[in-house]
Amino acid sequence: MKTKYDRMGKEEKKKVYNDFKKEKPIISKKMNRLLTIDIIGIFYSVIAFIYDFFNSKGLFNYIVDVIIFIFCLIVLLTVLKTKNNLLSKYVASNKKK
């Protein structure tokens, strides 16, 4: 089921996110850091897998690269879902005021 935040347009979402950043800057900074670190982790795992593939490394290295990629992907989805939930709650709480 879509929330009010999900049904908003692109400009409205930007406005809500900017208002959220002003009201709760610590949470938004932590969320941005998590997203940045997670994207770096995904790129690292892909590059490491390609490097291991061309240098014919052992099976252990392939397994570690895949585990890092899967973990980063799970964290990315979790952070994005949490961000969506926080912004949905923020929209709902500001509508009542």
PDB file of N, CA and C in Angstrom:
ATOM      1  N   MET A   1       0.835  -1.174   0.000  1.00  0.00           N
ATOM      2  CA  MET A   1       0.000   0.000   0.000  1.00  0.00           C
ATOM      3  C   MET A   1       0.881   1.239   0.000  1.00  0.00           C
ATOM      4  N   LYS A   2       0.578   2.173  -0.873  1.00  0.00           N
ATOM      5  CA  LYS A   2       1.376   3.383  -0.991  1.00  0.00           C
ATOM      6  C   LYS A   2       1.003   4.374   0.097  1.00  0.00           C
ATOM      7  N   THR A   3       2.044   5.024   0.611  1.00  0.00           N
ATOM      8  CA  THR A   3       1.838   6.053   1.617  1.00  0.00           C
ATOM      9  C   THR A   3       1.680   7.399   0.926  1.00  0.00           C
ATOM     10  N   LYS A   4       1.386   8.407   1.713  1.00  0.00           N
ATOM     11  CA  LYS A   4       1.236   9.755   1.145  1.00  0.00           C
ATOM     12  C   LYS A   4       2.547  10.201   0.508  1.00  0.00           C
ATOM     13  N   TYR A   5       3.667   9.863   1.115  1.00  0.00           N
ATOM     14  CA  TYR A   5       4.971  10.241   0.563  1.00  0.00           C
ATOM     15  C   TYR A   5       5.204   9.563  -0.784  1.00  0.00           C
ATOM     16  N   ASP A   6       4.802   8.311  -0.925  1.00  0.00           N
ATOM     17  CA  ASP A   6       4.976   7.592  -2.185  1.00  0.00           C
ATOM     18  C   ASP A   6       4.145   8.206  -3.314  1.00  0.00           C
ATOM     19  N   ARG A   7       3.008   8.786  -2.975  1.00  0.00           N
ATOM     20  CA  ARG A   7       2.126   9.358  -3.987  1.00  0.00           C
ATOM     21  C   ARG A   7       2.498  10.777  -4.376  1.00  0.00           C
ATOM     22  N   MET A   8       3.459  11.370  -3.661  1.00  0.00           N
ATOM     23  CA  MET A   8       3.861  12.743  -3.956  1.00  0.00           C
ATOM     24  C   MET A   8       4.655  12.809  -5.257  1.00  0.00           C
ATOM     25  N   GLY A   9       4.665  13.990  -5.831  1.00  0.00           N
ATOM     26  CA  GLY A   9       5.460  14.227  -7.028  1.00  0.00           C
ATOM     27  C   GLY A   9       6.919  14.448  -6.673  1.00  0.00           C
ATOM     28  N   LYS A  10       7.739  14.575  -7.695  1.00  0.00           N
ATOM     29  CA  LYS A  10       9.186  14.710  -7.505  1.00  0.00           C
ATOM     30  C   LYS A  10       9.538  15.990  -6.740  1.00  0.00           C
ATOM     31  N   GLU A  11       8.917  17.086  -7.103  1.00  0.00           N
ATOM     32  CA  GLU A  11       9.205  18.367  -6.441  1.00  0.00           C
ATOM     33  C   GLU A  11       8.738  18.361  -4.982  1.00  0.00           C
ATOM     34  N   GLU A  12       7.571  17.774  -4.741  1.00  0.00           N
ATOM     35  CA  GLU A  12       7.072  17.702  -3.366  1.00  0.00           C
ATOM     36  C   GLU A  12       7.982  16.843  -2.503  1.00  0.00           C
ATOM     37  N   LYS A  13       8.495  15.739  -3.064  1.00  0.00           N
ATOM     38  CA  LYS A  13       9.408  14.873  -2.316  1.00  0.00           C
ATOM     39  C   LYS A  13      10.690  15.610  -1.971  1.00  0.00           C
ATOM     40  N   LYS A  14      11.206  16.408  -2.902  1.00  0.00           N
ATOM     41  CA  LYS A  14      12.413  17.193  -2.626  1.00  0.00           C
ATOM     42  C   LYS A  14      12.164  18.181  -1.498  1.00  0.00           C
ATOM     43  N   LYS A  15      10.994  18.832  -1.534  1.00  0.00           N
ATOM     44  CA  LYS A  15      10.662  19.809  -0.493  1.00  0.00           C
ATOM     45  C   LYS A  15      10.551  19.125   0.867  1.00  0.00           C
ATOM     46  N   VAL A  16       9.898  17.980   0.907  1.00  0.00           N
ATOM     47  CA  VAL A  16       9.745  17.246   2.167  1.00  0.00           C
ATOM     48  C   VAL A  16      11.110  16.805   2.686  1.00  0.00           C
ATOM     49  N   TYR A  17      11.964  16.309   1.785  1.00  0.00           N
ATOM     50  CA  TYR A  17      13.289  15.854   2.217  1.00  0.00           C
ATOM     51  C   TYR A  17      14.124  17.026   2.728  1.00  0.00           C
ATOM     52  N   ASN A  18      14.043  18.186   2.067  1.00  0.00           N
ATOM     53  CA  ASN A  18      14.784  19.359   2.538  1.00  0.00           C
ATOM     54  C   ASN A  18      14.268  19.826   3.893  1.00  0.00           C
ATOM     55  N   ASP A  19      12.959  19.795   4.090  1.00  0.00           N
ATOM     56  CA  ASP A  19      12.391  20.151   5.398  1.00  0.00           C
ATOM     57  C   ASP A  19      12.843  19.161   6.471  1.00  0.00           C
ATOM     58  N   PHE A  20      12.875  17.885   6.111  1.00  0.00           N
ATOM     59  CA  PHE A  20      13.324  16.851   7.045  1.00  0.00           C
ATOM     60  C   PHE A  20      14.791  17.063   7.416  1.00  0.00           C
ATOM     61  N   LYS A  21      15.620  17.427   6.419  1.00  0.00           N
ATOM     62  CA  LYS A  21      17.038  17.673   6.684  1.00  0.00           C
ATOM     63  C   LYS A  21      17.231  18.862   7.624  1.00  0.00           C
ATOM     64  N   LYS A  22      16.387  19.872   7.490  1.00  0.00           N
ATOM     65  CA  LYS A  22      16.490  21.042   8.365  1.00  0.00           C
ATOM     66  C   LYS A  22      16.055  20.700   9.786  1.00  0.00           C
ATOM     67  N   GLU A  23      15.020  19.878   9.903  1.00  0.00           N
ATOM     68  CA  GLU A  23      14.485  19.549  11.217  1.00  0.00           C
ATOM     69  C   GLU A  23      15.335  18.508  11.943  1.00  0.00           C
ATOM     70  N   LYS A  24      15.830  17.508  11.205  1.00  0.00           N
ATOM     71  CA  LYS A  24      16.623  16.432  11.799  1.00  0.00           C
ATOM     72  C   LYS A  24      17.913  16.232  10.998  1.00  0.00           C
ATOM     73  N   PRO A  25      18.891  17.140  11.168  1.00  0.00           N
ATOM     74  CA  PRO A  25      20.105  17.059  10.337  1.00  0.00           C
ATOM     75  C   PRO A  25      20.994  15.859  10.664  1.00  0.00           C
ATOM     76  N   ILE A  26      20.995  15.410  11.893  1.00  0.00           N
ATOM     77  CA  ILE A  26      21.865  14.292  12.280  1.00  0.00           C
ATOM     78  C   ILE A  26      21.417  13.002  11.592  1.00  0.00           C
ATOM     79  N   ILE A  27      20.127  12.748  11.588  1.00  0.00           N
ATOM     80  CA  ILE A  27      19.613  11.525  10.959  1.00  0.00           C
ATOM     81  C   ILE A  27      19.862  11.551   9.454  1.00  0.00           C
ATOM     82  N   SER A  28      19.649  12.699   8.823  1.00  0.00           N
ATOM     83  CA  SER A  28      19.853  12.770   7.369  1.00  0.00           C
ATOM     84  C   SER A  28      21.328  12.623   7.013  1.00  0.00           C
ATOM     85  N   LYS A  29      22.244  13.160   7.836  1.00  0.00           N
ATOM     86  CA  LYS A  29      23.684  12.987   7.574  1.00  0.00           C
ATOM     87  C   LYS A  29      24.088  11.527   7.706  1.00  0.00           C
ATOM     88  N   LYS A  30      23.585  10.870   8.737  1.00  0.00           N
ATOM     89  CA  LYS A  30      23.913   9.454   8.921  1.00  0.00           C
ATOM     90  C   LYS A  30      23.371   8.610   7.778  1.00  0.00           C
ATOM     91  N   MET A  31      22.177   8.932   7.318  1.00  0.00           N
ATOM     92  CA  MET A  31      21.583   8.190   6.221  1.00  0.00           C
ATOM     93  C   MET A  31      22.391   8.380   4.934  1.00  0.00           C
ATOM     94  N   ASN A  32      22.825   9.615   4.684  1.00  0.00           N
ATOM     95  CA  ASN A  32      23.638   9.880   3.500  1.00  0.00           C
ATOM     96  C   ASN A  32      24.983   9.172   3.574  1.00  0.00           C
ATOM     97  N   ARG A  33      25.588   9.144   4.756  1.00  0.00           N
ATOM     98  CA  ARG A  33      26.862   8.426   4.926  1.00  0.00           C
ATOM     99  C   ARG A  33      26.684   6.937   4.682  1.00  0.00           C
ATOM    100  N   LEU A  34      25.613   6.380   5.212  1.00  0.00           N
ATOM    101  CA  LEU A  34      25.342   4.953   4.988  1.00  0.00           C
ATOM    102  C   LEU A  34      25.167   4.642   3.508  1.00  0.00           C
ATOM    103  N   LEU A  35      24.428   5.484   2.809  1.00  0.00           N
ATOM    104  CA  LEU A  35      24.228   5.266   1.377  1.00  0.00           C
ATOM    105  C   LEU A  35      25.550   5.379   0.612  1.00  0.00           C
ATOM    106  N   THR A  36      26.376   6.354   0.967  1.00  0.00           N
ATOM    107  CA  THR A  36      27.661   6.535   0.297  1.00  0.00           C
ATOM    108  C   THR A  36      28.582   5.347   0.537  1.00  0.00           C
ATOM    109  N   ILE A  37      28.688   4.925   1.775  1.00  0.00           N
ATOM    110  CA  ILE A  37      29.549   3.783   2.106  1.00  0.00           C
ATOM    111  C   ILE A  37      29.035   2.516   1.440  1.00  0.00           C
ATOM    112  N   ASP A  38      27.732   2.372   1.378  1.00  0.00           N
ATOM    113  CA  ASP A  38      27.151   1.180   0.763  1.00  0.00           C
ATOM    114  C   ASP A  38      27.416   1.144  -0.739  1.00  0.00           C
ATOM    115  N   ILE A  39      27.287   2.272  -1.408  1.00  0.00           N
ATOM    116  CA  ILE A  39      27.566   2.319  -2.841  1.00  0.00           C
ATOM    117  C   ILE A  39      29.043   2.042  -3.110  1.00  0.00           C
ATOM    118  N   ILE A  40      29.920   2.570  -2.266  1.00  0.00           N
ATOM    119  CA  ILE A  40      31.352   2.277  -2.391  1.00  0.00           C
ATOM    120  C   ILE A  40      31.604   0.783  -2.202  1.00  0.00           C
ATOM    121  N   GLY A  41      30.926   0.162  -1.261  1.00  0.00           N
ATOM    122  CA  GLY A  41      31.071  -1.268  -1.028  1.00  0.00           C
ATOM    123  C   GLY A  41      30.618  -2.102  -2.224  1.00  0.00           C
ATOM    124  N   ILE A  42      29.534  -1.682  -2.862  1.00  0.00           N
ATOM    125  CA  ILE A  42      29.055  -2.402  -4.042  1.00  0.00           C
ATOM    126  C   ILE A  42      30.068  -2.289  -5.174  1.00  0.00           C
ATOM    127  N   PHE A  43      30.577  -1.073  -5.413  1.00  0.00           N
ATOM    128  CA  PHE A  43      31.583  -0.901  -6.454  1.00  0.00           C
ATOM    129  C   PHE A  43      32.846  -1.702  -6.142  1.00  0.00           C
ATOM    130  N   TYR A  44      33.249  -1.690  -4.881  1.00  0.00           N
ATOM    131  CA  TYR A  44      34.439  -2.444  -4.491  1.00  0.00           C
ATOM    132  C   TYR A  44      34.261  -3.939  -4.756  1.00  0.00           C
ATOM    133  N   SER A  45      33.114  -4.473  -4.397  1.00  0.00           N
ATOM    134  CA  SER A  45      32.903  -5.910  -4.586  1.00  0.00           C
ATOM    135  C   SER A  45      32.878  -6.283  -6.062  1.00  0.00           C
ATOM    136  N   VAL A  46      32.297  -5.424  -6.903  1.00  0.00           N
ATOM    137  CA  VAL A  46      32.266  -5.708  -8.337  1.00  0.00           C
ATOM    138  C   VAL A  46      33.680  -5.639  -8.919  1.00  0.00           C
ATOM    139  N   ILE A  47      34.425  -4.606  -8.554  1.00  0.00           N
ATOM    140  CA  ILE A  47      35.800  -4.467  -9.054  1.00  0.00           C
ATOM    141  C   ILE A  47      36.672  -5.607  -8.551  1.00  0.00           C
ATOM    142  N   ALA A  48      36.522  -5.991  -7.293  1.00  0.00           N
ATOM    143  CA  ALA A  48      37.311  -7.100  -6.750  1.00  0.00           C
ATOM    144  C   ALA A  48      36.965  -8.410  -7.447  1.00  0.00           C
ATOM    145  N   PHE A  49      35.698  -8.615  -7.768  1.00  0.00           N
ATOM    146  CA  PHE A  49      35.296  -9.832  -8.476  1.00  0.00           C
ATOM    147  C   PHE A  49      35.916  -9.872  -9.871  1.00  0.00           C
ATOM    148  N   ILE A  50      35.883  -8.744 -10.567  1.00  0.00           N
ATOM    149  CA  ILE A  50      36.478  -8.686 -11.908  1.00  0.00           C
ATOM    150  C   ILE A  50      37.984  -8.919 -11.826  1.00  0.00           C
ATOM    151  N   TYR A  51      38.622  -8.311 -10.846  1.00  0.00           N
ATOM    152  CA  TYR A  51      40.066  -8.507 -10.658  1.00  0.00           C
ATOM    153  C   TYR A  51      40.387  -9.972 -10.370  1.00  0.00           C
ATOM    154  N   ASP A  52      39.627 -10.583  -9.494  1.00  0.00           N
ATOM    155  CA  ASP A  52      39.842 -11.999  -9.175  1.00  0.00           C
ATOM    156  C   ASP A  52      39.580 -12.894 -10.379  1.00  0.00           C
ATOM    157  N   PHE A  53      38.601 -12.523 -11.194  1.00  0.00           N
ATOM    158  CA  PHE A  53      38.270 -13.321 -12.369  1.00  0.00           C
ATOM    159  C   PHE A  53      39.417 -13.315 -13.388  1.00  0.00           C
ATOM    160  N   PHE A  54      39.977 -12.138 -13.639  1.00  0.00           N
ATOM    161  CA  PHE A  54      41.047 -12.051 -14.622  1.00  0.00           C
ATOM    162  C   PHE A  54      42.387 -12.577 -14.116  1.00  0.00           C
ATOM    163  N   ASN A  55      42.589 -12.584 -12.813  1.00  0.00           N
ATOM    164  CA  ASN A  55      43.840 -13.094 -12.260  1.00  0.00           C
ATOM    165  C   ASN A  55      43.718 -14.527 -11.769  1.00  0.00           C
ATOM    166  N   SER A  56      42.609 -15.155 -12.038  1.00  0.00           N
ATOM    167  CA  SER A  56      42.374 -16.567 -11.685  1.00  0.00           C
ATOM    168  C   SER A  56      42.677 -16.852 -10.215  1.00  0.00           C
ATOM    169  N   LYS A  57      42.090 -16.068  -9.366  1.00  0.00           N
ATOM    170  CA  LYS A  57      42.257 -16.294  -7.925  1.00  0.00           C
ATOM    171  C   LYS A  57      41.432 -17.506  -7.508  1.00  0.00           C
ATOM    172  N   GLY A  58      41.563 -17.888  -6.258  1.00  0.00           N
ATOM    173  CA  GLY A  58      40.877 -19.070  -5.763  1.00  0.00           C
ATOM    174  C   GLY A  58      39.394 -18.859  -5.541  1.00  0.00           C
ATOM    175  N   LEU A  59      38.725 -19.956  -5.247  1.00  0.00           N
ATOM    176  CA  LEU A  59      37.289 -19.951  -5.013  1.00  0.00           C
ATOM    177  C   LEU A  59      36.921 -19.109  -3.790  1.00  0.00           C
ATOM    178  N   PHE A  60      37.793 -19.098  -2.794  1.00  0.00           N
ATOM    179  CA  PHE A  60      37.539 -18.330  -1.571  1.00  0.00           C
ATOM    180  C   PHE A  60      37.356 -16.844  -1.886  1.00  0.00           C
ATOM    181  N   ASN A  61      38.180 -16.306  -2.777  1.00  0.00           N
ATOM    182  CA  ASN A  61      38.079 -14.888  -3.125  1.00  0.00           C
ATOM    183  C   ASN A  61      36.761 -14.576  -3.823  1.00  0.00           C
ATOM    184  N   TYR A  62      36.309 -15.489  -4.695  1.00  0.00           N
ATOM    185  CA  TYR A  62      35.017 -15.290  -5.349  1.00  0.00           C
ATOM    186  C   TYR A  62      33.878 -15.278  -4.324  1.00  0.00           C
ATOM    187  N   ILE A  63      33.941 -16.180  -3.389  1.00  0.00           N
ATOM    188  CA  ILE A  63      32.897 -16.276  -2.365  1.00  0.00           C
ATOM    189  C   ILE A  63      32.855 -15.018  -1.510  1.00  0.00           C
ATOM    190  N   VAL A  64      34.021 -14.515  -1.121  1.00  0.00           N
ATOM    191  CA  VAL A  64      34.076 -13.290  -0.314  1.00  0.00           C
ATOM    192  C   VAL A  64      33.506 -12.107  -1.094  1.00  0.00           C
ATOM    193  N   ASP A  65      33.845 -11.997  -2.366  1.00  0.00           N
ATOM    194  CA  ASP A  65      33.327 -10.898  -3.189  1.00  0.00           C
ATOM    195  C   ASP A  65      31.810 -10.956  -3.316  1.00  0.00           C
ATOM    196  N   VAL A  66      31.277 -12.139  -3.501  1.00  0.00           N
ATOM    197  CA  VAL A  66      29.818 -12.295  -3.627  1.00  0.00           C
ATOM    198  C   VAL A  66      29.134 -11.994  -2.293  1.00  0.00           C
ATOM    199  N   ILE A  67      29.728 -12.416  -1.191  1.00  0.00           N
ATOM    200  CA  ILE A  67      29.149 -12.133   0.127  1.00  0.00           C
ATOM    201  C   ILE A  67      29.127 -10.637   0.392  1.00  0.00           C
ATOM    202  N   ILE A  68      30.210  -9.941   0.054  1.00  0.00           N
ATOM    203  CA  ILE A  68      30.254  -8.485   0.240  1.00  0.00           C
ATOM    204  C   ILE A  68      29.182  -7.814  -0.613  1.00  0.00           C
ATOM    205  N   PHE A  69      29.042  -8.256  -1.855  1.00  0.00           N
ATOM    206  CA  PHE A  69      28.043  -7.675  -2.746  1.00  0.00           C
ATOM    207  C   PHE A  69      26.634  -7.892  -2.210  1.00  0.00           C
ATOM    208  N   ILE A  70      26.322  -9.094  -1.789  1.00  0.00           N
ATOM    209  CA  ILE A  70      24.981  -9.399  -1.273  1.00  0.00           C
ATOM    210  C   ILE A  70      24.701  -8.608   0.004  1.00  0.00           C
ATOM    211  N   PHE A  71      25.693  -8.544   0.900  1.00  0.00           N
ATOM    212  CA  PHE A  71      25.515  -7.778   2.134  1.00  0.00           C
ATOM    213  C   PHE A  71      25.260  -6.309   1.828  1.00  0.00           C
ATOM    214  N   CYS A  72      26.035  -5.719   0.928  1.00  0.00           N
ATOM    215  CA  CYS A  72      25.851  -4.313   0.571  1.00  0.00           C
ATOM    216  C   CYS A  72      24.499  -4.078  -0.092  1.00  0.00           C
ATOM    217  N   LEU A  73      24.059  -5.011  -0.892  1.00  0.00           N
ATOM    218  CA  LEU A  73      22.758  -4.886  -1.537  1.00  0.00           C
ATOM    219  C   LEU A  73      21.626  -4.930  -0.511  1.00  0.00           C
ATOM    220  N   ILE A  74      21.740  -5.822   0.456  1.00  0.00           N
ATOM    221  CA  ILE A  74      20.726  -5.912   1.522  1.00  0.00           C
ATOM    222  C   ILE A  74      20.705  -4.633   2.341  1.00  0.00           C
ATOM    223  N   VAL A  75      21.886  -4.114   2.674  1.00  0.00           N
ATOM    224  CA  VAL A  75      21.959  -2.875   3.448  1.00  0.00           C
ATOM    225  C   VAL A  75      21.386  -1.711   2.651  1.00  0.00           C
ATOM    226  N   LEU A  76      21.666  -1.658   1.358  1.00  0.00           N
ATOM    227  CA  LEU A  76      21.138  -0.586   0.518  1.00  0.00           C
ATOM    228  C   LEU A  76      19.607  -0.607   0.510  1.00  0.00           C
ATOM    229  N   LEU A  77      19.031  -1.769   0.319  1.00  0.00           N
ATOM    230  CA  LEU A  77      17.571  -1.878   0.313  1.00  0.00           C
ATOM    231  C   LEU A  77      16.983  -1.517   1.668  1.00  0.00           C
ATOM    232  N   THR A  78      17.643  -1.920   2.741  1.00  0.00           N
ATOM    233  CA  THR A  78      17.164  -1.607   4.089  1.00  0.00           C
ATOM    234  C   THR A  78      17.227  -0.109   4.365  1.00  0.00           C
ATOM    235  N   VAL A  79      18.320   0.532   3.972  1.00  0.00           N
ATOM    236  CA  VAL A  79      18.460   1.971   4.198  1.00  0.00           C
ATOM    237  C   VAL A  79      17.418   2.747   3.390  1.00  0.00           C
ATOM    238  N   LEU A  80      17.205   2.353   2.146  1.00  0.00           N
ATOM    239  CA  LEU A  80      16.211   3.042   1.333  1.00  0.00           C
ATOM    240  C   LEU A  80      14.801   2.851   1.881  1.00  0.00           C
ATOM    241  N   LYS A  81      14.504   1.654   2.376  1.00  0.00           N
ATOM    242  CA  LYS A  81      13.191   1.395   2.973  1.00  0.00           C
ATOM    243  C   LYS A  81      13.020   2.212   4.257  1.00  0.00           C
ATOM    244  N   THR A  82      14.070   2.275   5.063  1.00  0.00           N
ATOM    245  CA  THR A  82      14.016   3.058   6.295  1.00  0.00           C
ATOM    246  C   THR A  82      13.838   4.545   5.999  1.00  0.00           C
ATOM    247  N   LYS A  83      14.544   5.028   4.988  1.00  0.00           N
ATOM    248  CA  LYS A  83      14.420   6.429   4.581  1.00  0.00           C
ATOM    249  C   LYS A  83      12.987   6.723   4.150  1.00  0.00           C
ATOM    250  N   ASN A  84      12.419   5.834   3.371  1.00  0.00           N
ATOM    251  CA  ASN A  84      11.042   6.004   2.915  1.00  0.00           C
ATOM    252  C   ASN A  84      10.074   6.006   4.103  1.00  0.00           C
ATOM    253  N   ASN A  85      10.288   5.102   5.054  1.00  0.00           N
ATOM    254  CA  ASN A  85       9.412   5.050   6.232  1.00  0.00           C
ATOM    255  C   ASN A  85       9.544   6.312   7.079  1.00  0.00           C
ATOM    256  N   LEU A  86      10.771   6.793   7.272  1.00  0.00           N
ATOM    257  CA  LEU A  86      10.972   8.010   8.061  1.00  0.00           C
ATOM    258  C   LEU A  86      10.300   9.210   7.406  1.00  0.00           C
ATOM    259  N   LEU A  87      10.463   9.333   6.100  1.00  0.00           N
ATOM    260  CA  LEU A  87       9.848  10.463   5.413  1.00  0.00           C
ATOM    261  C   LEU A  87       8.324  10.339   5.389  1.00  0.00           C
ATOM    262  N   SER A  88       7.799   9.134   5.306  1.00  0.00           N
ATOM    263  CA  SER A  88       6.350   8.941   5.362  1.00  0.00           C
ATOM    264  C   SER A  88       5.801   9.349   6.725  1.00  0.00           C
ATOM    265  N   LYS A  89       6.502   8.946   7.776  1.00  0.00           N
ATOM    266  CA  LYS A  89       6.072   9.349   9.122  1.00  0.00           C
ATOM    267  C   LYS A  89       6.192  10.856   9.308  1.00  0.00           C
ATOM    268  N   TYR A  90       7.228  11.444   8.725  1.00  0.00           N
ATOM    269  CA  TYR A  90       7.417  12.897   8.824  1.00  0.00           C
ATOM    270  C   TYR A  90       6.275  13.629   8.143  1.00  0.00           C
ATOM    271  N   VAL A  91       5.882  13.161   6.961  1.00  0.00           N
ATOM    272  CA  VAL A  91       4.761  13.786   6.236  1.00  0.00           C
ATOM    273  C   VAL A  91       3.474  13.626   7.039  1.00  0.00           C
ATOM    274  N   ALA A  92       3.249  12.467   7.595  1.00  0.00           N
ATOM    275  CA  ALA A  92       2.024  12.213   8.354  1.00  0.00           C
ATOM    276  C   ALA A  92       1.970  13.066   9.619  1.00  0.00           C
ATOM    277  N   SER A  93       3.106  13.222  10.293  1.00  0.00           N
ATOM    278  CA  SER A  93       3.112  13.996  11.532  1.00  0.00           C
ATOM    279  C   SER A  93       2.981  15.496  11.247  1.00  0.00           C
ATOM    280  N   ASN A  94       3.507  15.978  10.144  1.00  0.00           N
ATOM    281  CA  ASN A  94       3.382  17.394   9.818  1.00  0.00           C
ATOM    282  C   ASN A  94       2.002  17.753   9.286  1.00  0.00           C
ATOM    283  N   LYS A  95       1.306  16.790   8.716  1.00  0.00           N
ATOM    284  CA  LYS A  95      -0.043  17.033   8.218  1.00  0.00           C
ATOM    285  C   LYS A  95      -1.009  17.266   9.387  1.00  0.00           C
ATOM    286  N   LYS A  96      -0.768  16.571  10.492  1.00  0.00           N
ATOM    287  CA  LYS A  96      -1.659  16.667  11.641  1.00  0.00           C
ATOM    288  C   LYS A  96      -1.511  18.019  12.344  1.00  0.00           C
ATOM    289  N   LYS A  97      -0.336  18.631  12.234  1.00  0.00           N
ATOM    290  CA  LYS A  97      -0.082  19.892  12.973  1.00  0.00           C
ATOM    291  C   LYS A  97      -0.761  21.076  12.335  1.00  0.00           C
TER     292      LYS A  97
END
